[in-house]
N, C-alpha and C. Protein backbone atom coordinates (compact mmCIF):
# COMPACT_ATOMS: atom_id res chain seq x y z
N MET A 1 -86.95 34.94 -51.12
CA MET A 1 -86.20 33.72 -51.24
C MET A 1 -86.39 32.91 -49.96
N SER A 2 -86.89 31.69 -50.08
CA SER A 2 -87.11 30.85 -48.91
C SER A 2 -86.02 29.78 -48.82
N GLU A 3 -85.92 29.15 -47.65
CA GLU A 3 -84.96 28.07 -47.48
C GLU A 3 -85.33 26.91 -48.41
N GLN A 4 -84.31 26.33 -49.02
CA GLN A 4 -84.49 25.19 -49.91
C GLN A 4 -83.29 24.28 -49.71
N HIS A 5 -83.13 23.28 -50.54
CA HIS A 5 -81.99 22.38 -50.38
C HIS A 5 -80.66 23.07 -50.69
N ASN A 6 -80.69 24.19 -51.40
CA ASN A 6 -79.45 24.90 -51.71
C ASN A 6 -79.42 26.32 -51.12
N ILE A 7 -80.34 26.62 -50.23
CA ILE A 7 -80.37 27.93 -49.54
C ILE A 7 -80.63 27.66 -48.06
N GLU A 8 -79.75 28.18 -47.23
CA GLU A 8 -79.88 27.97 -45.78
C GLU A 8 -79.70 29.30 -45.06
N TRP A 9 -80.57 29.60 -44.09
CA TRP A 9 -80.48 30.82 -43.29
C TRP A 9 -79.91 30.48 -41.92
N LYS A 10 -78.99 31.30 -41.46
CA LYS A 10 -78.41 31.16 -40.13
C LYS A 10 -78.33 32.53 -39.48
N GLU A 11 -78.63 32.61 -38.20
CA GLU A 11 -78.63 33.89 -37.50
C GLU A 11 -77.22 34.40 -37.25
N ILE A 12 -76.29 33.49 -36.94
CA ILE A 12 -74.91 33.89 -36.64
C ILE A 12 -73.97 32.95 -37.37
N TRP A 13 -72.72 33.37 -37.52
CA TRP A 13 -71.70 32.53 -38.13
C TRP A 13 -71.12 31.57 -37.07
N LYS A 14 -71.00 30.32 -37.45
CA LYS A 14 -70.32 29.31 -36.65
C LYS A 14 -69.38 28.56 -37.59
N ASN A 15 -68.21 28.21 -37.10
CA ASN A 15 -67.24 27.51 -37.94
C ASN A 15 -67.77 26.19 -38.48
N GLU A 16 -68.74 25.59 -37.79
CA GLU A 16 -69.31 24.33 -38.27
C GLU A 16 -70.03 24.50 -39.60
N TYR A 17 -70.33 25.73 -39.98
CA TYR A 17 -71.00 25.97 -41.27
C TYR A 17 -70.06 25.75 -42.44
N LEU A 18 -68.78 25.57 -42.17
CA LEU A 18 -67.85 25.20 -43.24
C LEU A 18 -68.30 23.89 -43.89
N LYS A 19 -68.96 23.02 -43.13
CA LYS A 19 -69.48 21.76 -43.67
C LYS A 19 -70.56 22.04 -44.72
N TRP A 20 -71.42 23.01 -44.44
CA TRP A 20 -72.47 23.39 -45.41
C TRP A 20 -71.83 23.89 -46.69
N ILE A 21 -70.81 24.74 -46.53
CA ILE A 21 -70.15 25.32 -47.70
C ILE A 21 -69.47 24.23 -48.52
N CYS A 22 -68.85 23.28 -47.85
CA CYS A 22 -68.23 22.15 -48.53
C CYS A 22 -69.29 21.35 -49.29
N GLY A 23 -70.41 21.12 -48.67
CA GLY A 23 -71.51 20.41 -49.33
C GLY A 23 -72.02 21.14 -50.55
N PHE A 24 -72.20 22.45 -50.43
CA PHE A 24 -72.63 23.25 -51.57
C PHE A 24 -71.60 23.19 -52.70
N ALA A 25 -70.31 23.27 -52.33
CA ALA A 25 -69.24 23.26 -53.33
C ALA A 25 -69.19 21.91 -54.07
N ASN A 26 -69.53 20.83 -53.38
CA ASN A 26 -69.49 19.50 -53.99
C ASN A 26 -70.78 19.14 -54.71
N ALA A 27 -71.78 19.97 -54.60
CA ALA A 27 -73.05 19.72 -55.28
C ALA A 27 -73.21 20.74 -56.42
N HIS A 28 -74.35 21.32 -56.50
CA HIS A 28 -74.64 22.28 -57.57
C HIS A 28 -74.58 23.71 -57.07
N GLY A 29 -73.85 23.94 -55.99
CA GLY A 29 -73.75 25.29 -55.43
C GLY A 29 -74.86 25.54 -54.43
N GLY A 30 -74.83 26.70 -53.84
CA GLY A 30 -75.86 27.06 -52.88
C GLY A 30 -75.52 28.36 -52.19
N LYS A 31 -76.41 28.79 -51.32
CA LYS A 31 -76.24 30.04 -50.59
C LYS A 31 -76.45 29.79 -49.11
N LEU A 32 -75.51 30.27 -48.34
CA LEU A 32 -75.63 30.27 -46.89
C LEU A 32 -75.79 31.73 -46.50
N ILE A 33 -76.95 32.08 -45.99
CA ILE A 33 -77.25 33.47 -45.67
C ILE A 33 -77.15 33.64 -44.15
N ILE A 34 -76.17 34.44 -43.73
CA ILE A 34 -75.92 34.68 -42.32
C ILE A 34 -76.58 36.00 -41.94
N GLY A 35 -77.37 35.99 -40.87
CA GLY A 35 -78.04 37.20 -40.40
C GLY A 35 -79.54 37.17 -40.59
N LYS A 36 -80.08 35.99 -40.96
CA LYS A 36 -81.53 35.80 -41.06
C LYS A 36 -81.93 34.65 -40.15
N ASN A 37 -83.11 34.76 -39.56
CA ASN A 37 -83.60 33.67 -38.72
C ASN A 37 -84.35 32.64 -39.57
N ASP A 38 -84.88 31.61 -38.94
CA ASP A 38 -85.57 30.53 -39.67
C ASP A 38 -86.84 30.99 -40.37
N ASN A 39 -87.34 32.14 -40.00
CA ASN A 39 -88.53 32.70 -40.67
C ASN A 39 -88.15 33.61 -41.83
N GLY A 40 -86.84 33.77 -42.08
CA GLY A 40 -86.39 34.63 -43.16
C GLY A 40 -86.31 36.10 -42.80
N GLU A 41 -86.50 36.41 -41.52
CA GLU A 41 -86.42 37.80 -41.06
C GLU A 41 -84.97 38.18 -40.81
N ILE A 42 -84.59 39.36 -41.22
CA ILE A 42 -83.22 39.84 -41.02
C ILE A 42 -83.04 40.20 -39.56
N VAL A 43 -82.07 39.56 -38.92
CA VAL A 43 -81.76 39.84 -37.52
C VAL A 43 -80.46 40.63 -37.39
N GLY A 44 -79.68 40.64 -38.45
CA GLY A 44 -78.42 41.40 -38.45
C GLY A 44 -77.26 40.62 -37.89
N ILE A 45 -76.06 41.12 -38.16
CA ILE A 45 -74.82 40.48 -37.72
C ILE A 45 -74.00 41.49 -36.96
N GLU A 46 -73.55 41.10 -35.77
CA GLU A 46 -72.60 41.93 -35.04
C GLU A 46 -71.22 41.72 -35.66
N ASN A 47 -70.38 42.73 -35.61
CA ASN A 47 -69.02 42.66 -36.14
C ASN A 47 -69.00 42.24 -37.61
N HIS A 48 -69.92 42.77 -38.40
CA HIS A 48 -70.03 42.34 -39.80
C HIS A 48 -68.77 42.65 -40.60
N ASN A 49 -68.07 43.74 -40.31
CA ASN A 49 -66.84 44.05 -41.05
C ASN A 49 -65.73 43.06 -40.73
N LYS A 50 -65.62 42.64 -39.47
CA LYS A 50 -64.61 41.67 -39.07
C LYS A 50 -64.88 40.32 -39.74
N LEU A 51 -66.14 39.89 -39.73
CA LEU A 51 -66.49 38.61 -40.33
C LEU A 51 -66.35 38.64 -41.85
N LEU A 52 -66.53 39.80 -42.44
CA LEU A 52 -66.40 39.93 -43.89
C LEU A 52 -64.99 39.55 -44.34
N GLU A 53 -64.02 39.75 -43.48
CA GLU A 53 -62.64 39.36 -43.77
C GLU A 53 -62.35 37.94 -43.29
N GLU A 54 -62.86 37.57 -42.13
CA GLU A 54 -62.55 36.26 -41.53
C GLU A 54 -63.17 35.09 -42.29
N ILE A 55 -64.42 35.21 -42.68
CA ILE A 55 -65.10 34.07 -43.29
C ILE A 55 -64.43 33.63 -44.59
N PRO A 56 -64.12 34.52 -45.54
CA PRO A 56 -63.44 34.04 -46.76
C PRO A 56 -62.08 33.41 -46.47
N ASN A 57 -61.36 33.95 -45.48
CA ASN A 57 -60.06 33.37 -45.12
C ASN A 57 -60.23 31.96 -44.56
N LYS A 58 -61.24 31.75 -43.72
CA LYS A 58 -61.49 30.42 -43.16
C LYS A 58 -61.87 29.44 -44.26
N ILE A 59 -62.71 29.87 -45.18
CA ILE A 59 -63.13 29.00 -46.28
C ILE A 59 -61.92 28.61 -47.12
N GLN A 60 -61.09 29.57 -47.45
CA GLN A 60 -59.92 29.27 -48.26
C GLN A 60 -58.91 28.40 -47.51
N ASN A 61 -58.66 28.70 -46.24
CA ASN A 61 -57.68 27.94 -45.46
C ASN A 61 -58.13 26.51 -45.18
N HIS A 62 -59.41 26.31 -44.91
CA HIS A 62 -59.91 24.98 -44.53
C HIS A 62 -60.37 24.14 -45.71
N LEU A 63 -60.93 24.81 -46.72
CA LEU A 63 -61.50 24.07 -47.84
C LEU A 63 -60.72 24.23 -49.14
N GLY A 64 -59.86 25.24 -49.20
CA GLY A 64 -59.07 25.47 -50.40
C GLY A 64 -59.86 26.04 -51.56
N ILE A 65 -60.98 26.67 -51.26
CA ILE A 65 -61.79 27.29 -52.32
C ILE A 65 -61.97 28.77 -52.03
N ILE A 66 -62.22 29.50 -53.10
CA ILE A 66 -62.49 30.94 -52.97
C ILE A 66 -63.99 31.12 -53.11
N CYS A 67 -64.55 31.91 -52.22
CA CYS A 67 -65.99 32.07 -52.13
C CYS A 67 -66.36 33.55 -52.18
N ASP A 68 -67.43 33.86 -52.86
CA ASP A 68 -67.95 35.23 -52.86
C ASP A 68 -68.78 35.45 -51.61
N ILE A 69 -68.52 36.56 -50.94
CA ILE A 69 -69.33 36.96 -49.79
C ILE A 69 -69.81 38.37 -50.05
N ASN A 70 -71.11 38.55 -50.01
CA ASN A 70 -71.70 39.85 -50.29
C ASN A 70 -72.40 40.37 -49.05
N LEU A 71 -72.01 41.55 -48.62
CA LEU A 71 -72.63 42.19 -47.46
C LEU A 71 -73.82 43.00 -47.93
N HIS A 72 -74.95 42.77 -47.31
CA HIS A 72 -76.18 43.48 -47.62
C HIS A 72 -76.64 44.24 -46.38
N GLU A 73 -77.42 45.28 -46.59
CA GLU A 73 -77.98 46.05 -45.48
C GLU A 73 -79.44 46.35 -45.78
N LYS A 74 -80.27 46.14 -44.78
CA LYS A 74 -81.69 46.48 -44.90
C LYS A 74 -82.16 46.98 -43.55
N GLU A 75 -82.74 48.15 -43.54
CA GLU A 75 -83.26 48.76 -42.32
C GLU A 75 -82.20 48.85 -41.23
N GLY A 76 -80.96 49.13 -41.64
CA GLY A 76 -79.86 49.31 -40.69
C GLY A 76 -79.27 48.01 -40.17
N LYS A 77 -79.72 46.88 -40.68
CA LYS A 77 -79.19 45.57 -40.25
C LYS A 77 -78.39 44.96 -41.39
N HIS A 78 -77.23 44.43 -41.05
CA HIS A 78 -76.36 43.83 -42.05
C HIS A 78 -76.51 42.31 -42.05
N TYR A 79 -76.39 41.73 -43.25
CA TYR A 79 -76.41 40.27 -43.40
C TYR A 79 -75.62 39.91 -44.63
N TYR A 80 -75.21 38.63 -44.70
CA TYR A 80 -74.45 38.12 -45.86
C TYR A 80 -75.33 37.18 -46.63
């Protein structure tokens, strides 16, 4: 899966990505994949369990929407 208008890769989570999620929600949907670099390589996420709880709460509190977040693991590296 490569980056497209509805798929974006980010190495780390930043609260400013709530804008991307809002844009996806107002369009035809999309995927924000955290833990991959711009080349699509998995770099992993530190504190992935903590973020697995924090990110959905931030999305719901700031945007008022419920979002699916799926934790994946490949070669010992976690990404969403």
